[in-house]
């Protein structure tokens, strides 16, 4: 997730409406600007922020770099269930590369931890249309609705935003 623009990401964070006790999760495989912005935003608003690192080699550096407010864990996408504390997250950001052979399972497992009407925000390398349309089809297949693509915010990434609706899916 190189070349993320701070002002563009701050604009993206404006979609988060102020509510008490929001919880945000982030899946990433490298240190990036979004970690810093989400961490600072959650500290400012007193929201929960769970950073799920897919690469254990960066855990120590990131844990030292960011305030204790952020819960940082190494996370295996292949695990059977992502359910830790029931439907917990209002927003889930994905800046990690998810292998194509587990994309479907990833979305199914995320569905268990996103609160009803919660948002899933996925960053995709710009102009990888095959990947974008595959994600859109998978999102629909796994009961995510109101999927939109923001293709003019970041120079290097398209952003998929979708919603888990109450009563849809599992």
N, C-alpha and C. Protein backbone atom coordinates (compact mmCIF):
# COMPACT_ATOMS: atom_id res chain seq x y z
N UNK A 1 0.84 -1.18 0.00
CA UNK A 1 0.00 0.00 0.00
C UNK A 1 0.88 1.24 0.00
N UNK A 2 1.71 1.30 -0.95
CA UNK A 2 2.58 2.46 -1.10
C UNK A 2 1.78 3.58 -1.76
N UNK A 3 2.26 4.79 -1.58
CA UNK A 3 1.71 5.97 -2.26
C UNK A 3 0.28 6.30 -1.88
N UNK A 4 -0.10 6.03 -0.65
CA UNK A 4 -1.40 6.48 -0.18
C UNK A 4 -1.28 7.96 0.16
N UNK A 5 -2.25 8.74 -0.27
CA UNK A 5 -2.20 10.18 -0.05
C UNK A 5 -3.00 10.55 1.20
N UNK A 6 -2.36 11.25 2.12
CA UNK A 6 -2.96 11.57 3.41
C UNK A 6 -4.28 12.32 3.26
N UNK A 7 -4.31 13.36 2.45
CA UNK A 7 -5.54 14.15 2.32
C UNK A 7 -6.69 13.32 1.74
N UNK A 8 -6.37 12.39 0.85
CA UNK A 8 -7.41 11.53 0.25
C UNK A 8 -7.94 10.54 1.29
N UNK A 9 -7.04 10.00 2.10
CA UNK A 9 -7.48 9.06 3.14
C UNK A 9 -8.31 9.78 4.21
N UNK A 10 -7.94 11.00 4.53
CA UNK A 10 -8.74 11.78 5.49
C UNK A 10 -10.14 12.02 4.94
N UNK A 11 -10.24 12.26 3.64
CA UNK A 11 -11.55 12.40 3.00
C UNK A 11 -12.34 11.10 3.13
N UNK A 12 -11.68 9.98 2.90
CA UNK A 12 -12.34 8.68 3.04
C UNK A 12 -12.85 8.48 4.46
N UNK A 13 -12.07 8.85 5.45
CA UNK A 13 -12.49 8.68 6.84
C UNK A 13 -13.72 9.53 7.19
N UNK A 14 -14.02 10.51 6.38
CA UNK A 14 -15.20 11.34 6.64
C UNK A 14 -16.50 10.55 6.48
N UNK A 15 -16.45 9.35 5.90
CA UNK A 15 -17.66 8.54 5.79
C UNK A 15 -18.07 7.94 7.13
N UNK A 16 -17.15 7.98 8.09
CA UNK A 16 -17.44 7.42 9.41
C UNK A 16 -18.25 8.46 10.20
N UNK A 17 -19.51 8.16 10.38
CA UNK A 17 -20.39 9.07 11.13
C UNK A 17 -20.13 8.90 12.62
N UNK A 18 -20.13 10.01 13.33
CA UNK A 18 -19.84 9.96 14.76
C UNK A 18 -20.94 9.24 15.52
N UNK A 19 -20.56 8.21 16.21
CA UNK A 19 -21.43 7.43 17.08
C UNK A 19 -20.59 7.02 18.27
N UNK A 20 -21.22 6.84 19.41
CA UNK A 20 -20.44 6.39 20.56
C UNK A 20 -20.01 4.93 20.37
N UNK A 21 -18.82 4.65 20.81
CA UNK A 21 -18.32 3.27 20.90
C UNK A 21 -18.25 2.52 19.58
N UNK A 22 -17.78 3.17 18.53
CA UNK A 22 -17.56 2.47 17.26
C UNK A 22 -16.32 1.58 17.38
N UNK A 23 -16.34 0.50 16.63
CA UNK A 23 -15.18 -0.38 16.56
C UNK A 23 -14.77 -0.53 15.10
N UNK A 24 -13.46 -0.40 14.87
CA UNK A 24 -12.91 -0.46 13.52
C UNK A 24 -11.83 -1.53 13.49
N UNK A 25 -11.86 -2.36 12.45
CA UNK A 25 -10.82 -3.36 12.24
C UNK A 25 -10.11 -3.04 10.93
N UNK A 26 -8.86 -3.44 10.85
CA UNK A 26 -8.04 -3.19 9.66
C UNK A 26 -7.17 -4.43 9.41
N UNK A 27 -7.26 -4.97 8.21
CA UNK A 27 -6.43 -6.09 7.80
C UNK A 27 -5.38 -5.56 6.84
N UNK A 28 -4.10 -5.77 7.18
CA UNK A 28 -3.03 -5.27 6.33
C UNK A 28 -1.84 -6.22 6.37
N UNK A 29 -1.02 -6.15 5.34
CA UNK A 29 0.18 -6.98 5.29
C UNK A 29 1.44 -6.13 5.28
N UNK A 30 1.28 -4.81 5.51
CA UNK A 30 2.45 -3.94 5.58
C UNK A 30 2.09 -2.63 6.29
N UNK A 31 3.10 -1.97 6.82
CA UNK A 31 2.90 -0.67 7.44
C UNK A 31 2.48 0.31 6.35
N UNK A 32 1.49 1.14 6.65
CA UNK A 32 1.04 2.13 5.68
C UNK A 32 0.40 3.30 6.39
N UNK A 33 0.19 4.35 5.66
CA UNK A 33 -0.35 5.59 6.21
C UNK A 33 -1.74 5.42 6.81
N UNK A 34 -2.54 4.50 6.28
CA UNK A 34 -3.89 4.30 6.81
C UNK A 34 -3.84 3.83 8.27
N UNK A 35 -2.83 3.06 8.65
CA UNK A 35 -2.70 2.63 10.05
C UNK A 35 -2.58 3.85 10.95
N UNK A 36 -1.69 4.74 10.59
CA UNK A 36 -1.48 5.96 11.39
C UNK A 36 -2.76 6.79 11.48
N UNK A 37 -3.42 6.99 10.34
CA UNK A 37 -4.63 7.81 10.33
C UNK A 37 -5.77 7.18 11.11
N UNK A 38 -5.98 5.87 10.94
CA UNK A 38 -7.04 5.20 11.70
C UNK A 38 -6.72 5.19 13.18
N UNK A 39 -5.48 4.95 13.53
CA UNK A 39 -5.07 4.96 14.94
C UNK A 39 -5.33 6.33 15.56
N UNK A 40 -4.87 7.39 14.91
CA UNK A 40 -5.06 8.75 15.44
C UNK A 40 -6.55 9.11 15.50
N UNK A 41 -7.30 8.72 14.49
CA UNK A 41 -8.74 9.00 14.45
C UNK A 41 -9.44 8.30 15.61
N UNK A 42 -9.10 7.05 15.84
CA UNK A 42 -9.74 6.28 16.91
C UNK A 42 -9.35 6.80 18.30
N UNK A 43 -8.13 7.27 18.45
CA UNK A 43 -7.73 7.88 19.71
C UNK A 43 -8.54 9.15 19.94
N UNK A 44 -8.63 9.98 18.92
CA UNK A 44 -9.36 11.25 19.03
C UNK A 44 -10.83 11.03 19.37
N UNK A 45 -11.46 10.03 18.75
CA UNK A 45 -12.89 9.79 18.94
C UNK A 45 -13.20 8.77 20.04
N UNK A 46 -12.15 8.18 20.62
CA UNK A 46 -12.29 7.12 21.62
C UNK A 46 -13.03 5.90 21.05
N UNK A 47 -12.66 5.51 19.84
CA UNK A 47 -13.20 4.32 19.18
C UNK A 47 -12.20 3.18 19.35
N UNK A 48 -12.70 1.96 19.24
CA UNK A 48 -11.83 0.80 19.27
C UNK A 48 -11.17 0.61 17.91
N UNK A 49 -9.91 0.23 17.90
CA UNK A 49 -9.18 -0.02 16.65
C UNK A 49 -8.39 -1.31 16.80
N UNK A 50 -8.71 -2.30 15.98
CA UNK A 50 -8.03 -3.60 15.97
C UNK A 50 -7.27 -3.73 14.67
N UNK A 51 -5.96 -3.82 14.78
CA UNK A 51 -5.09 -3.95 13.62
C UNK A 51 -4.68 -5.41 13.48
N UNK A 52 -5.10 -6.04 12.39
CA UNK A 52 -4.81 -7.44 12.12
C UNK A 52 -3.71 -7.51 11.07
N UNK A 53 -2.53 -7.92 11.50
CA UNK A 53 -1.38 -7.99 10.61
C UNK A 53 -1.27 -9.39 10.00
N UNK A 54 -1.16 -9.45 8.70
CA UNK A 54 -1.03 -10.73 8.02
C UNK A 54 0.44 -11.14 7.89
N UNK A 55 1.34 -10.25 8.28
CA UNK A 55 2.77 -10.53 8.22
C UNK A 55 3.34 -10.33 9.63
N UNK A 56 3.69 -11.42 10.28
CA UNK A 56 4.15 -11.36 11.67
C UNK A 56 5.48 -10.62 11.81
N UNK A 57 6.26 -10.52 10.73
CA UNK A 57 7.58 -9.90 10.83
C UNK A 57 7.50 -8.39 11.09
N UNK A 58 6.35 -7.77 10.87
CA UNK A 58 6.23 -6.33 11.10
C UNK A 58 5.50 -5.99 12.41
N UNK A 59 5.06 -7.02 13.14
CA UNK A 59 4.26 -6.79 14.34
C UNK A 59 5.00 -5.97 15.40
N UNK A 60 6.23 -6.34 15.69
CA UNK A 60 6.97 -5.64 16.74
C UNK A 60 7.19 -4.17 16.39
N UNK A 61 7.61 -3.90 15.16
CA UNK A 61 7.84 -2.52 14.73
C UNK A 61 6.57 -1.69 14.81
N UNK A 62 5.46 -2.25 14.35
CA UNK A 62 4.20 -1.51 14.37
C UNK A 62 3.71 -1.33 15.81
N UNK A 63 3.86 -2.35 16.64
CA UNK A 63 3.44 -2.23 18.04
C UNK A 63 4.19 -1.12 18.75
N UNK A 64 5.47 -0.95 18.43
CA UNK A 64 6.27 0.10 19.04
C UNK A 64 5.97 1.47 18.44
N UNK A 65 5.58 1.49 17.19
CA UNK A 65 5.38 2.75 16.48
C UNK A 65 4.08 3.46 16.86
N UNK A 66 3.05 2.68 17.17
CA UNK A 66 1.74 3.27 17.42
C UNK A 66 1.35 3.19 18.88
N UNK A 67 0.53 4.14 19.27
CA UNK A 67 0.02 4.26 20.63
C UNK A 67 -0.62 2.96 21.09
N UNK A 68 -0.60 2.73 22.37
CA UNK A 68 -1.15 1.52 22.98
C UNK A 68 -2.65 1.37 22.71
N UNK A 69 -3.31 2.45 22.30
CA UNK A 69 -4.75 2.42 22.00
C UNK A 69 -5.08 1.36 20.94
N UNK A 70 -4.15 1.13 20.04
CA UNK A 70 -4.37 0.18 18.97
C UNK A 70 -4.03 -1.23 19.43
N UNK A 71 -4.97 -2.15 19.22
CA UNK A 71 -4.71 -3.56 19.50
C UNK A 71 -4.13 -4.18 18.23
N UNK A 72 -2.90 -4.67 18.32
CA UNK A 72 -2.19 -5.22 17.17
C UNK A 72 -2.03 -6.72 17.36
N UNK A 73 -2.48 -7.49 16.37
CA UNK A 73 -2.36 -8.94 16.43
C UNK A 73 -1.92 -9.49 15.09
N UNK A 74 -1.17 -10.59 15.15
CA UNK A 74 -0.88 -11.35 13.95
C UNK A 74 -2.12 -12.17 13.64
N UNK A 75 -2.50 -12.24 12.39
CA UNK A 75 -3.79 -12.83 12.01
C UNK A 75 -3.61 -13.73 10.80
N UNK A 76 -4.06 -14.97 10.91
CA UNK A 76 -4.05 -15.91 9.78
C UNK A 76 -5.41 -15.86 9.09
N UNK A 77 -5.44 -15.50 7.83
CA UNK A 77 -6.72 -15.46 7.10
C UNK A 77 -7.32 -16.85 6.92
N UNK A 78 -6.50 -17.89 7.01
CA UNK A 78 -6.98 -19.24 6.78
C UNK A 78 -7.66 -19.85 8.02
N UNK A 79 -7.65 -19.15 9.14
CA UNK A 79 -8.27 -19.73 10.33
C UNK A 79 -9.75 -20.00 10.10
N UNK A 80 -10.30 -20.95 10.83
CA UNK A 80 -11.67 -21.39 10.60
C UNK A 80 -12.71 -20.30 10.81
N UNK A 81 -12.51 -19.49 11.80
CA UNK A 81 -13.49 -18.45 12.13
C UNK A 81 -12.76 -17.20 12.56
N UNK A 82 -13.32 -16.05 12.22
CA UNK A 82 -12.75 -14.78 12.66
C UNK A 82 -13.49 -14.27 13.90
N UNK A 83 -14.50 -15.00 14.30
CA UNK A 83 -15.35 -14.59 15.40
C UNK A 83 -14.58 -14.61 16.71
N UNK A 84 -14.44 -13.45 17.29
CA UNK A 84 -13.75 -13.33 18.56
C UNK A 84 -14.74 -12.87 19.63
N UNK A 85 -15.49 -11.83 19.34
CA UNK A 85 -16.46 -11.30 20.29
C UNK A 85 -17.77 -10.97 19.59
N UNK A 86 -18.34 -11.92 18.92
CA UNK A 86 -19.60 -11.74 18.19
C UNK A 86 -19.46 -10.67 17.11
N UNK A 87 -20.55 -10.13 16.66
CA UNK A 87 -20.55 -9.11 15.61
C UNK A 87 -20.05 -7.81 16.22
N UNK A 88 -18.82 -7.48 15.96
CA UNK A 88 -18.17 -6.42 16.70
C UNK A 88 -17.90 -5.16 15.89
N UNK A 89 -17.54 -5.27 14.62
CA UNK A 89 -16.97 -4.14 13.91
C UNK A 89 -17.99 -3.37 13.09
N UNK A 90 -17.91 -2.04 13.21
CA UNK A 90 -18.75 -1.15 12.42
C UNK A 90 -18.11 -0.86 11.06
N UNK A 91 -16.78 -0.85 11.03
CA UNK A 91 -16.02 -0.62 9.80
C UNK A 91 -14.86 -1.60 9.76
N UNK A 92 -14.66 -2.22 8.60
CA UNK A 92 -13.52 -3.09 8.38
C UNK A 92 -12.80 -2.59 7.13
N UNK A 93 -11.52 -2.23 7.30
CA UNK A 93 -10.68 -1.78 6.19
C UNK A 93 -9.76 -2.93 5.80
N UNK A 94 -9.58 -3.12 4.49
CA UNK A 94 -8.70 -4.17 3.98
C UNK A 94 -7.70 -3.53 3.03
N UNK A 95 -6.45 -3.44 3.47
CA UNK A 95 -5.38 -2.95 2.60
C UNK A 95 -4.40 -4.07 2.29
N UNK A 96 -4.72 -5.27 2.72
CA UNK A 96 -3.87 -6.44 2.47
C UNK A 96 -4.21 -7.05 1.12
N UNK A 97 -3.25 -7.76 0.57
CA UNK A 97 -3.50 -8.57 -0.60
C UNK A 97 -4.04 -9.90 -0.10
N UNK A 98 -5.25 -10.23 -0.52
CA UNK A 98 -5.88 -11.49 -0.12
C UNK A 98 -5.74 -12.46 -1.29
N UNK A 99 -5.12 -13.61 -1.05
CA UNK A 99 -4.94 -14.59 -2.12
C UNK A 99 -6.28 -14.98 -2.73
N UNK A 100 -6.31 -15.13 -4.04
CA UNK A 100 -7.56 -15.42 -4.74
C UNK A 100 -8.22 -16.71 -4.27
N UNK A 101 -7.44 -17.68 -3.81
CA UNK A 101 -8.03 -18.94 -3.38
C UNK A 101 -8.74 -18.86 -2.03
N UNK A 102 -8.57 -17.76 -1.29
CA UNK A 102 -9.29 -17.63 -0.01
C UNK A 102 -10.21 -16.40 0.04
N UNK A 103 -10.34 -15.68 -1.06
CA UNK A 103 -11.19 -14.48 -1.05
C UNK A 103 -12.61 -14.78 -0.59
N UNK A 104 -13.18 -15.84 -1.11
CA UNK A 104 -14.55 -16.19 -0.76
C UNK A 104 -14.68 -16.52 0.73
N UNK A 105 -13.78 -17.34 1.26
CA UNK A 105 -13.80 -17.67 2.68
C UNK A 105 -13.57 -16.43 3.54
N UNK A 106 -12.69 -15.56 3.09
CA UNK A 106 -12.40 -14.31 3.80
C UNK A 106 -13.69 -13.50 3.98
N UNK A 107 -14.44 -13.33 2.90
CA UNK A 107 -15.67 -12.54 2.98
C UNK A 107 -16.72 -13.22 3.85
N UNK A 108 -16.81 -14.53 3.76
CA UNK A 108 -17.77 -15.28 4.57
C UNK A 108 -17.43 -15.12 6.06
N UNK A 109 -16.16 -15.21 6.38
CA UNK A 109 -15.75 -15.09 7.79
C UNK A 109 -15.88 -13.65 8.30
N UNK A 110 -15.62 -12.69 7.44
CA UNK A 110 -15.81 -11.30 7.85
C UNK A 110 -17.27 -11.00 8.15
N UNK A 111 -18.16 -11.63 7.40
CA UNK A 111 -19.60 -11.41 7.60
C UNK A 111 -20.00 -11.71 9.04
N UNK A 112 -19.30 -12.63 9.68
CA UNK A 112 -19.60 -13.00 11.07
C UNK A 112 -19.21 -11.93 12.07
N UNK A 113 -18.24 -11.08 11.75
CA UNK A 113 -17.73 -10.14 12.73
C UNK A 113 -18.13 -8.69 12.47
N UNK A 114 -18.77 -8.44 11.33
CA UNK A 114 -19.24 -7.08 11.03
C UNK A 114 -20.65 -6.92 11.57
N UNK A 115 -20.87 -5.84 12.26
CA UNK A 115 -22.21 -5.54 12.79
C UNK A 115 -23.17 -5.31 11.64
N UNK A 116 -24.46 -5.50 11.92
CA UNK A 116 -25.47 -5.21 10.91
C UNK A 116 -25.35 -3.76 10.48
N UNK A 117 -25.42 -3.53 9.18
CA UNK A 117 -25.24 -2.22 8.55
C UNK A 117 -23.80 -1.73 8.65
N UNK A 118 -22.87 -2.62 9.00
CA UNK A 118 -21.46 -2.27 9.05
C UNK A 118 -20.88 -2.18 7.64
N UNK A 119 -19.77 -1.49 7.52
CA UNK A 119 -19.14 -1.25 6.21
C UNK A 119 -17.84 -2.01 6.07
N UNK A 120 -17.62 -2.51 4.86
CA UNK A 120 -16.38 -3.16 4.49
C UNK A 120 -15.75 -2.31 3.39
N UNK A 121 -14.49 -1.93 3.58
CA UNK A 121 -13.79 -1.04 2.65
C UNK A 121 -12.52 -1.75 2.20
N UNK A 122 -12.46 -2.05 0.89
CA UNK A 122 -11.35 -2.83 0.33
C UNK A 122 -10.58 -1.97 -0.67
N UNK A 123 -9.27 -1.92 -0.50
CA UNK A 123 -8.39 -1.20 -1.42
C UNK A 123 -7.88 -2.19 -2.47
N UNK A 124 -8.00 -1.80 -3.75
CA UNK A 124 -7.57 -2.64 -4.86
C UNK A 124 -6.66 -1.80 -5.76
N UNK A 125 -5.58 -2.42 -6.19
CA UNK A 125 -4.66 -1.72 -7.10
C UNK A 125 -5.45 -1.17 -8.29
N UNK A 126 -5.25 0.11 -8.58
CA UNK A 126 -5.98 0.79 -9.64
C UNK A 126 -5.80 0.07 -10.98
N UNK A 127 -6.85 0.02 -11.71
CA UNK A 127 -6.92 -0.52 -13.07
C UNK A 127 -6.73 -2.03 -13.13
N UNK A 128 -6.86 -2.72 -12.02
CA UNK A 128 -6.90 -4.18 -12.05
C UNK A 128 -8.39 -4.55 -12.09
N UNK A 129 -8.97 -4.37 -13.27
CA UNK A 129 -10.42 -4.53 -13.43
C UNK A 129 -10.88 -5.96 -13.17
N UNK A 130 -10.07 -6.91 -13.52
CA UNK A 130 -10.43 -8.31 -13.27
C UNK A 130 -10.60 -8.54 -11.78
N UNK A 131 -9.65 -8.06 -11.01
CA UNK A 131 -9.73 -8.20 -9.56
C UNK A 131 -10.92 -7.43 -9.01
N UNK A 132 -11.13 -6.24 -9.47
CA UNK A 132 -12.25 -5.42 -8.98
C UNK A 132 -13.58 -6.13 -9.21
N UNK A 133 -13.81 -6.63 -10.40
CA UNK A 133 -15.08 -7.27 -10.71
C UNK A 133 -15.23 -8.61 -10.00
N UNK A 134 -14.12 -9.32 -9.79
CA UNK A 134 -14.19 -10.55 -9.02
C UNK A 134 -14.63 -10.25 -7.58
N UNK A 135 -14.06 -9.20 -6.98
CA UNK A 135 -14.47 -8.81 -5.62
C UNK A 135 -15.95 -8.41 -5.59
N UNK A 136 -16.39 -7.65 -6.57
CA UNK A 136 -17.79 -7.22 -6.60
C UNK A 136 -18.72 -8.43 -6.68
N UNK A 137 -18.40 -9.39 -7.51
CA UNK A 137 -19.21 -10.61 -7.61
C UNK A 137 -19.20 -11.38 -6.29
N UNK A 138 -18.03 -11.51 -5.68
CA UNK A 138 -17.94 -12.23 -4.41
C UNK A 138 -18.72 -11.52 -3.30
N UNK A 139 -18.66 -10.21 -3.28
CA UNK A 139 -19.40 -9.45 -2.27
C UNK A 139 -20.89 -9.71 -2.41
N UNK A 140 -21.39 -9.68 -3.62
CA UNK A 140 -22.81 -9.95 -3.85
C UNK A 140 -23.15 -11.38 -3.43
N UNK A 141 -22.31 -12.32 -3.80
CA UNK A 141 -22.52 -13.73 -3.47
C UNK A 141 -22.58 -13.95 -1.96
N UNK A 142 -21.84 -13.15 -1.19
CA UNK A 142 -21.77 -13.32 0.25
C UNK A 142 -22.61 -12.30 1.02
N UNK A 143 -23.65 -11.81 0.36
CA UNK A 143 -24.68 -10.98 1.01
C UNK A 143 -24.20 -9.62 1.50
N UNK A 144 -23.29 -9.03 0.77
CA UNK A 144 -22.95 -7.63 1.01
C UNK A 144 -23.72 -6.83 -0.03
N UNK A 145 -24.21 -5.67 0.35
CA UNK A 145 -25.07 -4.90 -0.54
C UNK A 145 -24.56 -3.47 -0.68
N UNK A 146 -25.18 -2.75 -1.60
CA UNK A 146 -24.86 -1.34 -1.83
C UNK A 146 -23.37 -1.15 -2.09
N UNK A 147 -22.80 -2.01 -2.90
CA UNK A 147 -21.37 -1.94 -3.21
C UNK A 147 -21.11 -0.82 -4.20
N UNK A 148 -20.16 0.02 -3.87
CA UNK A 148 -19.76 1.12 -4.73
C UNK A 148 -18.25 1.13 -4.89
N UNK A 149 -17.81 1.63 -6.03
CA UNK A 149 -16.39 1.78 -6.29
C UNK A 149 -16.04 3.25 -6.32
N UNK A 150 -15.03 3.62 -5.55
CA UNK A 150 -14.49 4.98 -5.62
C UNK A 150 -13.19 4.84 -6.41
N UNK A 151 -13.21 5.32 -7.63
CA UNK A 151 -12.03 5.14 -8.49
C UNK A 151 -11.30 6.45 -8.76
N UNK A 152 -11.75 7.53 -8.13
CA UNK A 152 -11.12 8.82 -8.39
C UNK A 152 -10.58 9.49 -7.13
N UNK A 153 -10.47 8.75 -6.04
CA UNK A 153 -9.98 9.35 -4.81
C UNK A 153 -8.47 9.19 -4.67
N UNK A 154 -7.97 7.99 -4.82
CA UNK A 154 -6.54 7.72 -4.70
C UNK A 154 -5.93 7.52 -6.08
N UNK A 155 -4.69 7.94 -6.23
CA UNK A 155 -4.02 7.81 -7.52
C UNK A 155 -3.70 6.37 -7.88
N UNK A 156 -3.38 5.54 -6.89
CA UNK A 156 -2.92 4.18 -7.17
C UNK A 156 -3.90 3.08 -6.79
N UNK A 157 -5.02 3.43 -6.15
CA UNK A 157 -5.96 2.42 -5.66
C UNK A 157 -7.40 2.81 -5.96
N UNK A 158 -8.19 1.79 -6.28
CA UNK A 158 -9.64 1.92 -6.30
C UNK A 158 -10.11 1.41 -4.94
N UNK A 159 -11.23 1.92 -4.48
CA UNK A 159 -11.73 1.55 -3.17
C UNK A 159 -13.15 1.02 -3.34
N UNK A 160 -13.37 -0.20 -2.86
CA UNK A 160 -14.71 -0.79 -2.85
C UNK A 160 -15.29 -0.57 -1.46
N UNK A 161 -16.50 -0.04 -1.42
CA UNK A 161 -17.20 0.15 -0.15
C UNK A 161 -18.51 -0.62 -0.26
N UNK A 162 -18.76 -1.46 0.71
CA UNK A 162 -19.97 -2.28 0.70
C UNK A 162 -20.52 -2.37 2.11
N UNK A 163 -21.74 -2.82 2.23
CA UNK A 163 -22.43 -2.81 3.51
C UNK A 163 -23.02 -4.19 3.79
N UNK A 164 -22.95 -4.58 5.05
CA UNK A 164 -23.65 -5.78 5.50
C UNK A 164 -24.99 -5.33 6.05
N UNK A 165 -26.05 -5.80 5.45
CA UNK A 165 -27.38 -5.37 5.89
C UNK A 165 -27.97 -6.32 6.92
N UNK A 166 -28.79 -5.76 7.79
CA UNK A 166 -29.47 -6.53 8.83
C UNK A 166 -30.33 -7.62 8.20
N UNK A 167 -30.18 -8.83 8.72
CA UNK A 167 -31.03 -9.92 8.27
C UNK A 167 -30.57 -10.58 6.98
N UNK A 168 -29.44 -10.12 6.41
CA UNK A 168 -28.94 -10.71 5.17
C UNK A 168 -27.83 -11.67 5.53
N UNK A 169 -27.86 -12.81 4.94
CA UNK A 169 -26.78 -13.78 5.14
C UNK A 169 -26.79 -14.33 6.55
N UNK A 170 -25.64 -14.78 7.01
CA UNK A 170 -25.54 -15.43 8.32
C UNK A 170 -25.18 -14.47 9.39
